[in-house]
Amino acid sequence: MFAVSSRVRLRISGLRYIVDSSGDKVAVVVPIDEFNGLLEDLHDLAVIAERRDEPTVSFEEVKKRLKKRGIIQN
């Protein structure tokens, strides 16, 4: 497990560390599936950040729009 921030902790299995001649960790090897998942999360966070100033829409309005488009029924 490692900290991404003071409030977020991730558990990634299979991490391997690269150390320097003093034994200090200088890099990490992450399994590709974990890496791809982290990239997807990073993308999602970027989209959220880009859209944070957009006006919100109520749940009722979303339902109304979906019904109008025939995506959901009563």
Protein backbone atom coordinates (compact mmCIF):
# COMPACT_ATOMS: atom_id res chain seq x y z
CA MET A 1 0.00 0.00 0.00
CA PHE A 2 1.22 3.52 -0.69
CA ALA A 3 -0.15 7.00 -0.13
CA VAL A 4 -1.25 9.09 -3.09
CA SER A 5 -2.16 11.95 -0.79
CA SER A 6 -2.71 12.33 2.91
CA ARG A 7 -6.31 11.11 2.46
CA VAL A 8 -6.04 8.46 -0.27
CA ARG A 9 -4.38 5.09 0.06
CA LEU A 10 -4.07 2.53 -2.72
CA ARG A 11 -3.45 -1.16 -2.36
CA ILE A 12 -1.55 -2.53 -5.33
CA SER A 13 -0.28 -6.06 -5.25
CA GLY A 14 2.87 -7.14 -7.02
CA LEU A 15 4.84 -3.92 -6.67
CA ARG A 16 8.60 -4.22 -7.07
CA TYR A 17 11.06 -1.52 -6.14
CA ILE A 18 14.29 -0.50 -7.78
CA VAL A 19 16.87 0.63 -5.27
CA ASP A 20 20.10 2.57 -5.60
CA SER A 21 23.48 1.47 -4.26
CA SER A 22 22.49 2.80 -0.81
CA GLY A 23 19.34 0.69 -0.75
CA ASP A 24 17.04 3.71 -1.14
CA LYS A 25 13.96 3.17 -3.30
CA VAL A 26 14.28 5.19 -6.51
CA ALA A 27 11.61 3.64 -8.74
CA VAL A 28 8.75 1.18 -8.71
CA VAL A 29 7.60 -1.49 -11.15
CA VAL A 30 3.81 -1.74 -11.28
CA PRO A 31 1.96 -4.67 -12.87
CA ILE A 32 0.52 -3.55 -16.23
CA ASP A 33 -3.12 -4.21 -15.24
CA GLU A 34 -2.69 -2.04 -12.16
CA PHE A 35 -0.95 0.65 -14.23
CA ASN A 36 -3.77 0.69 -16.78
CA GLY A 37 -6.32 0.98 -13.98
CA LEU A 38 -4.43 3.93 -12.52
CA LEU A 39 -4.36 5.61 -15.94
CA GLU A 40 -8.14 5.20 -16.25
CA ASP A 41 -8.61 6.69 -12.79
CA LEU A 42 -6.33 9.59 -13.68
CA HIS A 43 -8.33 10.23 -16.85
CA ASP A 44 -11.59 10.18 -14.90
CA LEU A 45 -10.20 12.70 -12.41
CA ALA A 46 -9.05 14.96 -15.26
CA VAL A 47 -12.56 14.91 -16.77
CA ILE A 48 -14.06 15.73 -13.37
CA ALA A 49 -11.64 18.64 -12.94
CA GLU A 50 -12.45 19.98 -16.41
CA ARG A 51 -16.19 19.86 -15.75
CA ARG A 52 -16.27 21.07 -12.15
CA ASP A 53 -17.65 24.50 -13.08
CA GLU A 54 -20.46 23.18 -15.25
CA PRO A 55 -23.97 23.63 -13.88
CA THR A 56 -25.49 20.63 -12.15
CA VAL A 57 -28.67 18.89 -13.24
CA SER A 58 -31.17 17.45 -10.76
CA PHE A 59 -31.91 13.75 -10.71
CA GLU A 60 -35.50 14.48 -11.71
CA GLU A 61 -34.30 16.45 -14.75
CA VAL A 62 -32.01 13.59 -15.79
CA LYS A 63 -34.89 11.12 -15.52
CA LYS A 64 -37.12 13.44 -17.56
CA ARG A 65 -34.51 13.72 -20.32
CA LEU A 66 -33.90 9.95 -20.40
CA LYS A 67 -37.64 9.27 -20.63
CA LYS A 68 -37.99 11.82 -23.44
CA ARG A 69 -35.18 10.08 -25.37
CA GLY A 70 -36.81 6.68 -24.79
CA ILE A 71 -33.86 5.37 -22.81
CA ILE A 72 -35.96 4.63 -19.73
CA GLN A 73 -39.66 4.10 -19.18
CA ASN A 74 -41.90 5.06 -16.29
